[in-house]
Amino acid sequence: MACIFKDWRPRIAMRMAKGDKELMRWLNKATFAKTSNGYWLAWHQGDNVDRVAFLTPNHPEGEECRWLESWDKDDTIETAINYIESGEFKADEKEHPDGFVLNLFIKNPETGEWE
């Protein structure tokens, strides 16, 4: 289970932005969380989560954050956290090492289908 922080995380934001002023402004308004498997996440609160910045547990020093974007406007931060903590995300990360934007699909435990 992820730990969601109510306050701003300046050290994590600086690691995520790596000097990008526009990204730092975006992160200044973000909510931060750390997943149970060591990923740091940042997103903007709202009805849906269409963009999540993240750092991997062994994120390369000097490299800015990667992005997870949702194609489904009904996704929530819980959906994103479940996806990252599921282990399925790790496989996608290996397939897309350059930080490509990934689609948030979760396997429905009842139907076995990816949604």
Protein backbone atom coordinates (compact mmCIF):
# COMPACT_ATOMS: atom_id res chain seq x y z
CA MET A 1 0.00 0.00 0.00
CA ALA A 2 1.31 3.43 -0.96
CA CYS A 3 1.99 6.22 1.51
CA ILE A 4 0.40 9.47 0.28
CA PHE A 5 1.96 12.67 1.62
CA LYS A 6 -0.12 15.76 2.32
CA ASP A 7 2.80 18.15 2.12
CA TRP A 8 5.17 19.05 -0.70
CA ARG A 9 8.33 16.91 -1.06
CA PRO A 10 11.05 19.33 -2.24
CA ARG A 11 13.91 16.79 -2.42
CA ILE A 12 11.80 14.39 -4.48
CA ALA A 13 10.52 17.23 -6.68
CA MET A 14 14.12 18.35 -7.37
CA ARG A 15 15.09 14.77 -8.29
CA MET A 16 12.08 14.52 -10.58
CA ALA A 17 12.60 17.89 -12.31
CA LYS A 18 16.39 17.80 -12.74
CA GLY A 19 16.50 21.55 -13.38
CA ASP A 20 13.43 21.78 -15.64
CA LYS A 21 11.69 24.94 -14.38
CA GLU A 22 8.34 24.18 -16.04
CA LEU A 23 8.29 20.70 -14.52
CA MET A 24 9.25 22.14 -11.14
CA ARG A 25 6.25 24.51 -11.32
CA TRP A 26 4.01 21.52 -12.15
CA LEU A 27 5.46 19.55 -9.23
CA ASN A 28 4.96 22.51 -6.89
CA LYS A 29 1.19 21.87 -7.13
CA ALA A 30 1.43 18.08 -7.03
CA THR A 31 0.55 15.47 -4.42
CA PHE A 32 3.31 12.92 -3.71
CA ALA A 33 3.24 9.25 -2.78
CA LYS A 34 5.71 6.42 -2.32
CA THR A 35 4.52 2.97 -3.36
CA SER A 36 5.19 -0.19 -1.39
CA ASN A 37 7.70 -1.26 -4.07
CA GLY A 38 9.69 1.99 -3.88
CA TYR A 39 8.35 4.16 -6.70
CA TRP A 40 7.83 7.88 -6.03
CA LEU A 41 4.74 9.36 -7.70
CA ALA A 42 3.48 12.91 -8.20
CA TRP A 43 0.14 13.98 -9.65
CA HIS A 44 -2.42 16.74 -9.54
CA GLN A 45 -5.54 16.15 -7.49
CA GLY A 46 -8.83 16.07 -9.35
CA ASP A 47 -11.65 13.88 -10.52
CA ASN A 48 -9.32 11.80 -12.66
CA VAL A 49 -5.61 11.26 -12.97
CA ASP A 50 -4.45 11.69 -16.54
CA ARG A 51 -0.76 12.25 -15.83
CA VAL A 52 1.52 10.85 -13.12
CA ALA A 53 5.23 11.65 -12.80
CA PHE A 54 7.30 8.85 -11.32
CA LEU A 55 10.78 7.85 -10.23
CA THR A 56 11.73 4.19 -10.21
CA PRO A 57 13.38 2.69 -7.10
CA ASN A 58 16.74 2.61 -8.89
CA HIS A 59 16.17 5.71 -11.02
CA PRO A 60 19.36 6.79 -12.83
CA GLU A 61 21.02 9.76 -11.14
CA GLY A 62 20.77 12.87 -13.31
CA GLU A 63 17.73 11.67 -15.27
CA GLU A 64 14.39 13.44 -14.83
CA CYS A 65 11.20 11.61 -13.98
CA ARG A 66 9.25 9.44 -16.35
CA TRP A 67 5.55 9.78 -17.07
CA LEU A 68 2.55 7.54 -16.85
CA GLU A 69 -0.46 8.80 -18.76
CA SER A 70 -3.95 7.41 -18.84
CA TRP A 71 -5.98 6.94 -21.99
CA ASP A 72 -9.09 6.34 -19.90
CA LYS A 73 -10.37 9.49 -18.22
CA ASP A 74 -12.00 7.37 -15.49
CA ASP A 75 -8.64 6.30 -14.04
CA THR A 76 -7.89 7.26 -10.46
CA ILE A 77 -4.65 7.51 -8.51
CA GLU A 78 -5.63 4.19 -6.89
CA THR A 79 -5.68 2.64 -10.39
CA ALA A 80 -2.20 4.00 -11.09
CA ILE A 81 -0.84 2.83 -7.72
CA ASN A 82 -2.34 -0.63 -8.17
CA TYR A 83 -0.79 -0.84 -11.64
CA ILE A 84 2.66 0.17 -10.39
CA GLU A 85 2.49 -2.13 -7.36
CA SER A 86 1.13 -5.07 -9.41
CA GLY A 87 4.48 -5.97 -10.94
CA GLU A 88 3.00 -5.62 -14.43
CA PHE A 89 4.39 -2.10 -14.55
CA LYS A 90 7.95 -3.36 -14.07
CA ALA A 91 7.65 -5.45 -17.23
CA ASP A 92 6.41 -2.40 -19.15
CA GLU A 93 9.30 -0.34 -17.81
CA LYS A 94 11.79 -2.85 -19.23
CA GLU A 95 9.98 -2.78 -22.57
CA HIS A 96 10.06 1.04 -22.62
CA PRO A 97 13.34 2.02 -20.90
CA ASP A 98 13.38 5.50 -22.40
CA GLY A 99 10.44 6.63 -20.33
CA PHE A 100 7.74 6.32 -22.95
CA VAL A 101 4.25 7.22 -21.87
CA LEU A 102 2.46 4.08 -20.79
CA ASN A 103 -1.20 3.21 -20.88
CA LEU A 104 -2.90 2.39 -17.61
CA PHE A 105 -4.52 -1.00 -18.05
CA ILE A 106 -5.49 -3.12 -15.10
CA LYS A 107 -6.38 -6.79 -15.31
CA ASN A 108 -9.92 -7.28 -14.06
CA PRO A 109 -9.71 -10.08 -11.46
CA GLU A 110 -13.26 -11.19 -12.21
CA THR A 111 -13.09 -11.38 -16.01
CA GLY A 112 -9.34 -11.79 -16.52
CA GLU A 113 -9.53 -9.07 -19.19
CA TRP A 114 -7.25 -6.03 -19.38
CA GLU A 115 -9.23 -2.82 -18.95
